[in-house]
């Protein structure tokens, strides 16, 4: 009997997540052939769903798998907030060391213990930057009083309040209209989202803060995964591993492509000086420390040790 595997997403053709998901589908088909039928629901938003519905649809079994931001599960798996330390991870190489190291394995186990998901991969959800309608964000004074769209995470929102923003949680489905109609003055996202969602049609300045590397979990319904024959389970894991390597490569390449596209469209890309970024990081630090204080010394040690494994 053919096993049907439905994998969901929420973005368009150019998305690095969409491209990664297509690598997964192709790899799985190559590995197990007609044992499975892989169905990729590329953009559930077009079917009237909120993007965040991917989580409930996967956990309930309406989908077998999806990708989604780790921040949206931090209320159920608090340890995932370790990925949400603004200004704490200086580059992608060290972020990947954390994701692929002891901490990533530990957090995957925590997700499995507290939800009906299995975490099969960690995708690059992009270095996050701040775009604004009317001004460049270079200092705390520039942030003061601006309505900023950010993720539905209290840890994220505390950090942005510390910078002076008035944070607002808005689903990805509603983000383009919130930017276009002035519901928000600023928002924070990777360049790929700013460019592909056409946020820059309204927000003409992007400050390259690189304040956080977002993490997208590759999630599967745990009961469904465990019900498949070992050969299929192993093939799914291998296909996700192959897709993860490709997706991360796409994400890094896409930063350059989108930066060039934004510049060609007349958007100003603001590069912060070390002192300017330092001011923002220093203001965020007390709130980041509050996040870290919730976790035991063992988890913090895993995070720090994985970071330290990458030479400068």
C-alpha atoms as a PDB file:
ATOM      1  CA  UNK A   1       0.000   0.000   0.000  1.00  0.00           C
ATOM      2  CA  UNK A   2       1.297   3.442  -0.939  1.00  0.00           C
ATOM      3  CA  UNK A   3       1.906   5.763   2.030  1.00  0.00           C
ATOM      4  CA  UNK A   4       0.638   9.295   1.529  1.00  0.00           C
ATOM      5  CA  UNK A   5       2.919  11.984   3.013  1.00  0.00           C
ATOM      6  CA  UNK A   6       1.526  15.517   2.931  1.00  0.00           C
ATOM      7  CA  UNK A   7       4.051  18.274   3.659  1.00  0.00           C
ATOM      8  CA  UNK A   8       2.884  21.865   4.202  1.00  0.00           C
ATOM      9  CA  UNK A   9       4.347  25.333   3.746  1.00  0.00           C
ATOM     10  CA  UNK A  10       3.218  28.930   3.540  1.00  0.00           C
ATOM     11  CA  UNK A  11       5.408  30.673   0.965  1.00  0.00           C
ATOM     12  CA  UNK A  12       5.780  31.231  -2.786  1.00  0.00           C
ATOM     13  CA  UNK A  13       8.002  29.760  -5.460  1.00  0.00           C
ATOM     14  CA  UNK A  14      11.081  31.865  -4.682  1.00  0.00           C
ATOM     15  CA  UNK A  15      11.119  31.083  -0.957  1.00  0.00           C
ATOM     16  CA  UNK A  16      14.160  29.233   0.327  1.00  0.00           C
ATOM     17  CA  UNK A  17      11.752  27.121   2.393  1.00  0.00           C
ATOM     18  CA  UNK A  18       9.696  26.197  -0.665  1.00  0.00           C
ATOM     19  CA  UNK A  19      12.849  25.261  -2.535  1.00  0.00           C
ATOM     20  CA  UNK A  20      14.080  23.209   0.416  1.00  0.00           C
ATOM     21  CA  UNK A  21      10.742  21.408   0.643  1.00  0.00           C
ATOM     22  CA  UNK A  22      10.916  20.539  -3.035  1.00  0.00           C
ATOM     23  CA  UNK A  23      14.373  19.038  -2.483  1.00  0.00           C
ATOM     24  CA  UNK A  24      12.858  16.939   0.319  1.00  0.00           C
ATOM     25  CA  UNK A  25      10.010  15.712  -1.877  1.00  0.00           C
ATOM     26  CA  UNK A  26      12.326  14.841  -4.752  1.00  0.00           C
ATOM     27  CA  UNK A  27      14.848  13.101  -2.485  1.00  0.00           C
ATOM     28  CA  UNK A  28      12.183  11.024  -0.743  1.00  0.00           C
ATOM     29  CA  UNK A  29      10.703   9.920  -4.047  1.00  0.00           C
ATOM     30  CA  UNK A  30      14.175   8.953  -5.268  1.00  0.00           C
ATOM     31  CA  UNK A  31      14.894   6.970  -2.095  1.00  0.00           C
ATOM     32  CA  UNK A  32      11.682   4.958  -1.789  1.00  0.00           C
ATOM     33  CA  UNK A  33       9.979   5.275  -5.169  1.00  0.00           C
ATOM     34  CA  UNK A  34       6.349   4.229  -5.275  1.00  0.00           C
ATOM     35  CA  UNK A  35       6.274   3.204  -1.600  1.00  0.00           C
ATOM     36  CA  UNK A  36       5.169   6.792  -0.906  1.00  0.00           C
ATOM     37  CA  UNK A  37       3.129   9.502  -2.538  1.00  0.00           C
ATOM     38  CA  UNK A  38       4.559  12.880  -1.527  1.00  0.00           C
ATOM     39  CA  UNK A  39       2.127  15.800  -1.719  1.00  0.00           C
ATOM     40  CA  UNK A  40       3.527  19.287  -1.132  1.00  0.00           C
ATOM     41  CA  UNK A  41       0.939  21.873  -0.061  1.00  0.00           C
ATOM     42  CA  UNK A  42       3.205  24.791  -0.903  1.00  0.00           C
ATOM     43  CA  UNK A  43       1.187  27.695   0.484  1.00  0.00           C
ATOM     44  CA  UNK A  44      -1.732  27.040   2.821  1.00  0.00           C
ATOM     45  CA  UNK A  45      -2.366  30.797   3.060  1.00  0.00           C
ATOM     46  CA  UNK A  46      -3.769  30.654  -0.475  1.00  0.00           C
ATOM     47  CA  UNK A  47      -6.364  28.215   0.864  1.00  0.00           C
ATOM     48  CA  UNK A  48      -7.502  30.735   3.470  1.00  0.00           C
ATOM     49  CA  UNK A  49      -5.487  29.456   6.426  1.00  0.00           C
ATOM     50  CA  UNK A  50      -3.206  31.463   8.646  1.00  0.00           C
ATOM     51  CA  UNK A  51       0.399  30.404   8.217  1.00  0.00           C
ATOM     52  CA  UNK A  52       0.521  29.293  11.855  1.00  0.00           C
ATOM     53  CA  UNK A  53      -2.210  26.728  11.134  1.00  0.00           C
ATOM     54  CA  UNK A  54       0.592  24.511   9.812  1.00  0.00           C
ATOM     55  CA  UNK A  55       1.377  23.606  13.405  1.00  0.00           C
ATOM     56  CA  UNK A  56      -2.106  22.436  14.376  1.00  0.00           C
ATOM     57  CA  UNK A  57      -2.624  20.717  11.023  1.00  0.00           C
ATOM     58  CA  UNK A  58       0.585  18.715  11.454  1.00  0.00           C
ATOM     59  CA  UNK A  59      -0.002  17.830  15.086  1.00  0.00           C
ATOM     60  CA  UNK A  60      -3.577  16.707  14.365  1.00  0.00           C
ATOM     61  CA  UNK A  61      -2.541  14.624  11.352  1.00  0.00           C
ATOM     62  CA  UNK A  62      -4.168  16.735   8.631  1.00  0.00           C
ATOM     63  CA  UNK A  63      -0.603  17.034   7.377  1.00  0.00           C
ATOM     64  CA  UNK A  64       2.239  14.623   8.022  1.00  0.00           C
ATOM     65  CA  UNK A  65       4.918  17.313   8.053  1.00  0.00           C
ATOM     66  CA  UNK A  66       5.695  21.016   7.769  1.00  0.00           C
ATOM     67  CA  UNK A  67       8.303  23.673   8.471  1.00  0.00           C
ATOM     68  CA  UNK A  68       7.674  26.535  10.881  1.00  0.00           C
ATOM     69  CA  UNK A  69       9.419  29.021  13.143  1.00  0.00           C
ATOM     70  CA  UNK A  70      10.618  27.548  16.431  1.00  0.00           C
ATOM     71  CA  UNK A  71       9.441  30.656  18.296  1.00  0.00           C
ATOM     72  CA  UNK A  72       5.805  29.638  17.895  1.00  0.00           C
ATOM     73  CA  UNK A  73       6.360  26.494  19.979  1.00  0.00           C
ATOM     74  CA  UNK A  74       8.350  28.126  22.773  1.00  0.00           C
ATOM     75  CA  UNK A  75       5.255  28.444  24.967  1.00  0.00           C
ATOM     76  CA  UNK A  76       4.906  24.631  24.960  1.00  0.00           C
ATOM     77  CA  UNK A  77       8.604  23.802  24.831  1.00  0.00           C
ATOM     78  CA  UNK A  78      10.240  26.667  26.746  1.00  0.00           C
ATOM     79  CA  UNK A  79      13.755  25.406  25.991  1.00  0.00           C
ATOM     80  CA  UNK A  80      13.304  26.464  22.352  1.00  0.00           C
ATOM     81  CA  UNK A  81      13.659  30.063  23.536  1.00  0.00           C
ATOM     82  CA  UNK A  82      17.397  29.389  23.686  1.00  0.00           C
ATOM     83  CA  UNK A  83      17.320  29.938  19.916  1.00  0.00           C
ATOM     84  CA  UNK A  84      15.794  33.400  20.509  1.00  0.00           C
ATOM     85  CA  UNK A  85      18.774  35.173  22.057  1.00  0.00           C
ATOM     86  CA  UNK A  86      19.034  38.458  20.191  1.00  0.00           C
ATOM     87  CA  UNK A  87      22.559  39.572  19.262  1.00  0.00           C
ATOM     88  CA  UNK A  88      23.993  36.425  20.981  1.00  0.00           C
ATOM     89  CA  UNK A  89      25.096  34.351  17.958  1.00  0.00           C
ATOM     90  CA  UNK A  90      27.467  36.301  15.723  1.00  0.00           C
ATOM     91  CA  UNK A  91      27.244  34.350  12.471  1.00  0.00           C
ATOM     92  CA  UNK A  92      25.623  31.464  10.619  1.00  0.00           C
ATOM     93  CA  UNK A  93      28.487  29.016  11.114  1.00  0.00           C
ATOM     94  CA  UNK A  94      28.169  29.171  14.876  1.00  0.00           C
ATOM     95  CA  UNK A  95      24.374  29.095  14.690  1.00  0.00           C
ATOM     96  CA  UNK A  96      24.558  25.871  12.668  1.00  0.00           C
ATOM     97  CA  UNK A  97      26.992  24.418  15.226  1.00  0.00           C
ATOM     98  CA  UNK A  98      24.340  24.927  17.912  1.00  0.00           C
ATOM     99  CA  UNK A  99      21.536  23.520  15.755  1.00  0.00           C
ATOM    100  CA  UNK A 100      23.503  20.437  14.717  1.00  0.00           C
ATOM    101  CA  UNK A 101      25.204  19.839  18.049  1.00  0.00           C
ATOM    102  CA  UNK A 102      24.268  18.597  21.493  1.00  0.00           C
ATOM    103  CA  UNK A 103      21.792  21.395  22.141  1.00  0.00           C
ATOM    104  CA  UNK A 104      19.869  20.755  18.932  1.00  0.00           C
ATOM    105  CA  UNK A 105      19.562  17.057  19.817  1.00  0.00           C
ATOM    106  CA  UNK A 106      18.447  17.884  23.358  1.00  0.00           C
ATOM    107  CA  UNK A 107      15.793  20.337  22.186  1.00  0.00           C
ATOM    108  CA  UNK A 108      14.453  17.873  19.631  1.00  0.00           C
ATOM    109  CA  UNK A 109      13.953  15.420  22.502  1.00  0.00           C
ATOM    110  CA  UNK A 110      12.163  18.110  24.527  1.00  0.00           C
ATOM    111  CA  UNK A 111       9.793  18.814  21.628  1.00  0.00           C
ATOM    112  CA  UNK A 112       9.004  15.111  21.277  1.00  0.00           C
ATOM    113  CA  UNK A 113       8.368  14.791  25.025  1.00  0.00           C
ATOM    114  CA  UNK A 114       5.932  17.701  25.142  1.00  0.00           C
ATOM    115  CA  UNK A 115       4.104  17.575  21.804  1.00  0.00           C
ATOM    116  CA  UNK A 116       2.979  15.164  19.094  1.00  0.00           C
ATOM    117  CA  UNK A 117       5.839  16.306  16.826  1.00  0.00           C
ATOM    118  CA  UNK A 118       9.159  14.804  15.863  1.00  0.00           C
ATOM    119  CA  UNK A 119      11.869  17.312  14.898  1.00  0.00           C
ATOM    120  CA  UNK A 120      13.773  16.000  11.887  1.00  0.00           C
ATOM    121  CA  UNK A 121      15.706  19.125  10.936  1.00  0.00           C
ATOM    122  CA  UNK A 122      16.549  22.741  11.639  1.00  0.00           C
ATOM    123  CA  UNK A 123      16.244  25.099   8.689  1.00  0.00           C
ATOM    124  CA  UNK A 124      17.705  28.561   8.287  1.00  0.00           C
ATOM    125  CA  UNK A 125      14.851  31.013   8.854  1.00  0.00           C
ATOM    126  CA  UNK A 126      17.087  33.926   7.923  1.00  0.00           C
ATOM    127  CA  UNK A 127      19.158  36.612   9.576  1.00  0.00           C
ATOM    128  CA  UNK A 128      16.583  39.096  10.803  1.00  0.00           C
ATOM    129  CA  UNK A 129      16.832  42.816  10.036  1.00  0.00           C
ATOM    130  CA  UNK A 130      14.594  45.836  10.612  1.00  0.00           C
ATOM    131  CA  UNK A 131      12.778  47.692   7.826  1.00  0.00           C
ATOM    132  CA  UNK A 132      10.979  50.996   8.316  1.00  0.00           C
ATOM    133  CA  UNK A 133       8.682  53.256   6.380  1.00  0.00           C
ATOM    134  CA  UNK A 134      10.190  56.659   7.037  1.00  0.00           C
ATOM    135  CA  UNK A 135      13.610  56.413   8.648  1.00  0.00           C
ATOM    136  CA  UNK A 136      16.782  54.438   9.089  1.00  0.00           C
ATOM    137  CA  UNK A 137      17.129  52.622  12.401  1.00  0.00           C
ATOM    138  CA  UNK A 138      20.599  53.422  13.702  1.00  0.00           C
ATOM    139  CA  UNK A 139      20.080  54.137  17.400  1.00  0.00           C
ATOM    140  CA  UNK A 140      17.716  53.655  20.315  1.00  0.00           C
ATOM    141  CA  UNK A 141      16.336  57.125  19.627  1.00  0.00           C
ATOM    142  CA  UNK A 142      15.289  55.977  16.141  1.00  0.00           C
ATOM    143  CA  UNK A 143      13.321  53.069  17.640  1.00  0.00           C
ATOM    144  CA  UNK A 144      11.367  55.055  20.203  1.00  0.00           C
ATOM    145  CA  UNK A 145       7.612  54.898  19.768  1.00  0.00           C
ATOM    146  CA  UNK A 146       7.601  53.019  16.457  1.00  0.00           C
ATOM    147  CA  UNK A 147       5.027  50.243  16.048  1.00  0.00           C
ATOM    148  CA  UNK A 148       7.044  47.171  15.079  1.00  0.00           C
ATOM    149  CA  UNK A 149       5.662  43.897  13.764  1.00  0.00           C
ATOM    150  CA  UNK A 150       7.437  40.934  15.253  1.00  0.00           C
ATOM    151  CA  UNK A 151       6.786  37.287  16.053  1.00  0.00           C
ATOM    152  CA  UNK A 152       4.216  36.066  18.577  1.00  0.00           C
ATOM    153  CA  UNK A 153       6.834  35.498  21.252  1.00  0.00           C
ATOM    154  CA  UNK A 154       6.954  37.356  24.537  1.00  0.00           C
ATOM    155  CA  UNK A 155      10.748  36.962  24.611  1.00  0.00           C
ATOM    156  CA  UNK A 156      11.017  38.738  21.258  1.00  0.00           C
ATOM    157  CA  UNK A 157       8.586  41.419  22.312  1.00  0.00           C
ATOM    158  CA  UNK A 158      10.420  42.146  25.579  1.00  0.00           C
ATOM    159  CA  UNK A 159      13.630  42.732  23.626  1.00  0.00           C
ATOM    160  CA  UNK A 160      11.987  45.167  21.237  1.00  0.00           C
ATOM    161  CA  UNK A 161      10.266  47.032  24.054  1.00  0.00           C
ATOM    162  CA  UNK A 162      13.719  47.464  25.603  1.00  0.00           C
ATOM    163  CA  UNK A 163      14.873  49.048  22.341  1.00  0.00           C
ATOM    164  CA  UNK A 164      11.954  51.489  22.468  1.00  0.00           C
ATOM    165  CA  UNK A 165       9.573  49.905  19.950  1.00  0.00           C
ATOM    166  CA  UNK A 166       5.907  49.114  20.466  1.00  0.00           C
ATOM    167  CA  UNK A 167       5.887  45.465  19.304  1.00  0.00           C
ATOM    168  CA  UNK A 168       2.862  43.891  17.611  1.00  0.00           C
ATOM    169  CA  UNK A 169       2.377  40.210  16.758  1.00  0.00           C
ATOM    170  CA  UNK A 170       0.847  39.807  13.285  1.00  0.00           C
ATOM    171  CA  UNK A 171       0.525  36.547  11.334  1.00  0.00           C
ATOM    172  CA  UNK A 172       2.583  36.295   8.161  1.00  0.00           C
ATOM    173  CA  UNK A 173      -0.644  36.144   6.150  1.00  0.00           C
ATOM    174  CA  UNK A 174      -1.554  39.662   7.289  1.00  0.00           C
ATOM    175  CA  UNK A 175       1.931  41.185   7.305  1.00  0.00           C
ATOM    176  CA  UNK A 176       2.006  42.699   3.784  1.00  0.00           C
ATOM    177  CA  UNK A 177      -1.251  44.594   4.326  1.00  0.00           C
ATOM    178  CA  UNK A 178      -0.147  45.761   7.801  1.00  0.00           C
ATOM    179  CA  UNK A 179       2.999  47.237   6.253  1.00  0.00           C
ATOM    180  CA  UNK A 180       1.198  48.740   3.263  1.00  0.00           C
ATOM    181  CA  UNK A 181      -1.607  50.414   5.239  1.00  0.00           C
ATOM    182  CA  UNK A 182       0.624  51.755   8.008  1.00  0.00           C
ATOM    183  CA  UNK A 183      -0.658  49.514  10.793  1.00  0.00           C
ATOM    184  CA  UNK A 184       3.028  49.167  11.633  1.00  0.00           C
ATOM    185  CA  UNK A 185       5.844  51.678  11.175  1.00  0.00           C
ATOM    186  CA  UNK A 186       8.556  49.012  11.100  1.00  0.00           C
ATOM    187  CA  UNK A 187       8.958  45.248  11.038  1.00  0.00           C
ATOM    188  CA  UNK A 188      11.756  42.700  11.393  1.00  0.00           C
ATOM    189  CA  UNK A 189      12.357  39.844   8.989  1.00  0.00           C
ATOM    190  CA  UNK A 190      15.028  38.223   6.835  1.00  0.00           C
ATOM    191  CA  UNK A 191      15.821  39.910   3.526  1.00  0.00           C
ATOM    192  CA  UNK A 192      14.132  37.075   1.643  1.00  0.00           C
ATOM    193  CA  UNK A 193      10.774  37.890   3.251  1.00  0.00           C
ATOM    194  CA  UNK A 194      11.202  41.642   2.910  1.00  0.00           C
ATOM    195  CA  UNK A 195      11.901  41.235  -0.790  1.00  0.00           C
ATOM    196  CA  UNK A 196       9.592  38.379  -1.773  1.00  0.00           C
ATOM    197  CA  UNK A 197       6.601  39.689   0.190  1.00  0.00           C
ATOM    198  CA  UNK A 198       7.237  43.108  -1.429  1.00  0.00           C
ATOM    199  CA  UNK A 199       7.397  44.829   1.966  1.00  0.00           C
ATOM    200  CA  UNK A 200       9.990  47.165   0.482  1.00  0.00           C
ATOM    201  CA  UNK A 201       7.345  48.753  -1.748  1.00  0.00           C
ATOM    202  CA  UNK A 202       6.378  50.659   1.408  1.00  0.00           C
ATOM    203  CA  UNK A 203       9.400  50.257   3.674  1.00  0.00           C
ATOM    204  CA  UNK A 204      12.180  51.973   1.772  1.00  0.00           C
ATOM    205  CA  UNK A 205      14.916  51.561   4.380  1.00  0.00           C
ATOM    206  CA  UNK A 206      16.329  48.294   5.726  1.00  0.00           C
ATOM    207  CA  UNK A 207      18.795  48.354   8.614  1.00  0.00           C
ATOM    208  CA  UNK A 208      21.042  45.285   8.545  1.00  0.00           C
ATOM    209  CA  UNK A 209      20.957  44.577  12.264  1.00  0.00           C
ATOM    210  CA  UNK A 210      21.384  40.789  11.904  1.00  0.00           C
ATOM    211  CA  UNK A 211      20.012  40.620  15.436  1.00  0.00           C
ATOM    212  CA  UNK A 212      18.889  36.991  15.257  1.00  0.00           C
ATOM    213  CA  UNK A 213      19.172  33.949  13.028  1.00  0.00           C
ATOM    214  CA  UNK A 214      15.666  32.551  12.893  1.00  0.00           C
ATOM    215  CA  UNK A 215      15.191  28.803  13.147  1.00  0.00           C
ATOM    216  CA  UNK A 216      12.521  26.868  11.257  1.00  0.00           C
ATOM    217  CA  UNK A 217      11.795  23.435  12.653  1.00  0.00           C
ATOM    218  CA  UNK A 218      11.090  20.621  10.207  1.00  0.00           C
ATOM    219  CA  UNK A 219       8.270  18.856  12.044  1.00  0.00           C
ATOM    220  CA  UNK A 220       6.514  15.564  11.452  1.00  0.00           C
ATOM    221  CA  UNK A 221       3.500  14.076  13.145  1.00  0.00           C
ATOM    222  CA  UNK A 222       5.174  11.674  15.548  1.00  0.00           C
ATOM    223  CA  UNK A 223       2.466   9.019  15.451  1.00  0.00           C
ATOM    224  CA  UNK A 224       2.468   8.991  11.662  1.00  0.00           C
ATOM    225  CA  UNK A 225       6.263   8.779  11.533  1.00  0.00           C
ATOM    226  CA  UNK A 226       6.331   5.868  13.982  1.00  0.00           C
ATOM    227  CA  UNK A 227       3.633   4.029  12.010  1.00  0.00           C
ATOM    228  CA  UNK A 228       5.692   3.897   8.807  1.00  0.00           C
ATOM    229  CA  UNK A 229       7.953   0.946   7.972  1.00  0.00           C
ATOM    230  CA  UNK A 230      11.598   1.411   9.046  1.00  0.00           C
ATOM    231  CA  UNK A 231      12.739   1.822   5.449  1.00  0.00           C
ATOM    232  CA  UNK A 232      10.322   4.735   4.943  1.00  0.00           C
ATOM    233  CA  UNK A 233      11.202   6.368   8.275  1.00  0.00           C
ATOM    234  CA  UNK A 234      14.896   6.163   7.452  1.00  0.00           C
ATOM    235  CA  UNK A 235      14.262   7.554   3.967  1.00  0.00           C
ATOM    236  CA  UNK A 236      12.253  10.478   5.374  1.00  0.00           C
ATOM    237  CA  UNK A 237      15.091  11.336   7.763  1.00  0.00           C
ATOM    238  CA  UNK A 238      17.677  11.043   4.976  1.00  0.00           C
ATOM    239  CA  UNK A 239      15.570  13.209   2.660  1.00  0.00           C
ATOM    240  CA  UNK A 240      15.217  15.888   5.362  1.00  0.00           C
ATOM    241  CA  UNK A 241      18.986  15.835   5.928  1.00  0.00           C
ATOM    242  CA  UNK A 242      19.567  16.339   2.198  1.00  0.00           C
ATOM    243  CA  UNK A 243      16.964  19.095   2.069  1.00  0.00           C
ATOM    244  CA  UNK A 244      18.446  20.827   5.121  1.00  0.00           C
ATOM    245  CA  UNK A 245      21.874  21.144   3.503  1.00  0.00           C
ATOM    246  CA  UNK A 246      20.271  22.543   0.341  1.00  0.00           C
ATOM    247  CA  UNK A 247      17.921  24.881   2.204  1.00  0.00           C
ATOM    248  CA  UNK A 248      20.745  26.420   4.218  1.00  0.00           C
ATOM    249  CA  UNK A 249      22.742  26.959   1.028  1.00  0.00           C
ATOM    250  CA  UNK A 250      19.706  28.599  -0.589  1.00  0.00           C
ATOM    251  CA  UNK A 251      19.288  30.870   2.443  1.00  0.00           C
ATOM    252  CA  UNK A 252      22.864  32.118   2.326  1.00  0.00           C
ATOM    253  CA  UNK A 253      22.760  32.675  -1.436  1.00  0.00           C
ATOM    254  CA  UNK A 254      19.377  34.368  -1.163  1.00  0.00           C
ATOM    255  CA  UNK A 255      20.730  37.063   1.149  1.00  0.00           C
ATOM    256  CA  UNK A 256      22.991  38.290  -1.643  1.00  0.00           C
ATOM    257  CA  UNK A 257      20.278  37.962  -4.296  1.00  0.00           C
ATOM    258  CA  UNK A 258      17.687  39.841  -2.232  1.00  0.00           C
ATOM    259  CA  UNK A 259      20.127  42.552  -1.172  1.00  0.00           C
ATOM    260  CA  UNK A 260      20.899  43.178  -4.838  1.00  0.00           C
ATOM    261  CA  UNK A 261      17.195  43.187  -5.693  1.00  0.00           C
ATOM    262  CA  UNK A 262      16.359  45.640  -2.926  1.00  0.00           C
ATOM    263  CA  UNK A 263      19.167  47.956  -3.996  1.00  0.00           C
ATOM    264  CA  UNK A 264      18.022  47.788  -7.625  1.00  0.00           C
ATOM    265  CA  UNK A 265      14.525  48.784  -6.486  1.00  0.00           C
ATOM    266  CA  UNK A 266      15.929  51.878  -4.793  1.00  0.00           C
ATOM    267  CA  UNK A 267      15.820  50.651  -1.188  1.00  0.00           C
ATOM    268  CA  UNK A 268      18.478  51.994   1.179  1.00  0.00           C
ATOM    269  CA  UNK A 269      20.403  49.250   2.999  1.00  0.00           C
ATOM    270  CA  UNK A 270      21.882  50.651   6.203  1.00  0.00           C
ATOM    271  CA  UNK A 271      25.084  49.042   7.510  1.00  0.00           C
ATOM    272  CA  UNK A 272      25.534  49.702  11.223  1.00  0.00           C
ATOM    273  CA  UNK A 273      28.868  50.652  12.684  1.00  0.00           C
ATOM    274  CA  UNK A 274      30.214  48.448  15.467  1.00  0.00           C
ATOM    275  CA  UNK A 275      29.292  51.148  17.978  1.00  0.00           C
ATOM    276  CA  UNK A 276      25.729  51.498  16.647  1.00  0.00           C
ATOM    277  CA  UNK A 277      25.076  47.759  16.761  1.00  0.00           C
ATOM    278  CA  UNK A 278      26.715  47.632  20.177  1.00  0.00           C
ATOM    279  CA  UNK A 279      24.250  50.200  21.533  1.00  0.00           C
ATOM    280  CA  UNK A 280      21.286  48.094  20.394  1.00  0.00           C
ATOM    281  CA  UNK A 281      22.847  44.874  21.693  1.00  0.00           C
ATOM    282  CA  UNK A 282      23.569  46.447  25.087  1.00  0.00           C
ATOM    283  CA  UNK A 283      19.961  47.601  25.435  1.00  0.00           C
ATOM    284  CA  UNK A 284      18.705  44.114  24.539  1.00  0.00           C
ATOM    285  CA  UNK A 285      21.151  42.283  26.842  1.00  0.00           C
ATOM    286  CA  UNK A 286      19.155  42.496  30.112  1.00  0.00           C
ATOM    287  CA  UNK A 287      16.095  40.981  28.419  1.00  0.00           C
ATOM    288  CA  UNK A 288      18.188  38.252  26.768  1.00  0.00           C
ATOM    289  CA  UNK A 289      19.608  37.461  30.200  1.00  0.00           C
ATOM    290  CA  UNK A 290      16.076  37.068  31.570  1.00  0.00           C
ATOM    291  CA  UNK A 291      15.458  34.440  28.897  1.00  0.00           C
ATOM    292  CA  UNK A 292      18.683  32.599  29.752  1.00  0.00           C
ATOM    293  CA  UNK A 293      17.892  32.731  33.489  1.00  0.00           C
ATOM    294  CA  UNK A 294      14.925  30.405  32.972  1.00  0.00           C
ATOM    295  CA  UNK A 295      17.203  27.529  32.021  1.00  0.00           C
ATOM    296  CA  UNK A 296      19.566  25.397  34.034  1.00  0.00           C
ATOM    297  CA  UNK A 297      23.320  25.515  33.842  1.00  0.00           C
ATOM    298  CA  UNK A 298      23.381  22.298  31.796  1.00  0.00           C
ATOM    299  CA  UNK A 299      21.412  23.766  28.884  1.00  0.00           C
ATOM    300  CA  UNK A 300      23.393  26.995  28.891  1.00  0.00           C
ATOM    301  CA  UNK A 301      26.610  24.951  28.885  1.00  0.00           C
ATOM    302  CA  UNK A 302      25.419  22.970  25.853  1.00  0.00           C
ATOM    303  CA  UNK A 303      24.714  26.239  24.035  1.00  0.00           C
ATOM    304  CA  UNK A 304      28.063  27.795  24.917  1.00  0.00           C
ATOM    305  CA  UNK A 305      30.068  24.617  24.207  1.00  0.00           C
ATOM    306  CA  UNK A 306      28.496  24.192  20.761  1.00  0.00           C
ATOM    307  CA  UNK A 307      29.286  27.829  19.954  1.00  0.00           C
ATOM    308  CA  UNK A 308      32.866  27.388  21.067  1.00  0.00           C
ATOM    309  CA  UNK A 309      33.439  24.415  18.752  1.00  0.00           C
ATOM    310  CA  UNK A 310      33.607  26.765  15.753  1.00  0.00           C
ATOM    311  CA  UNK A 311      36.934  28.549  15.440  1.00  0.00           C
ATOM    312  CA  UNK A 312      36.927  32.256  14.646  1.00  0.00           C
END
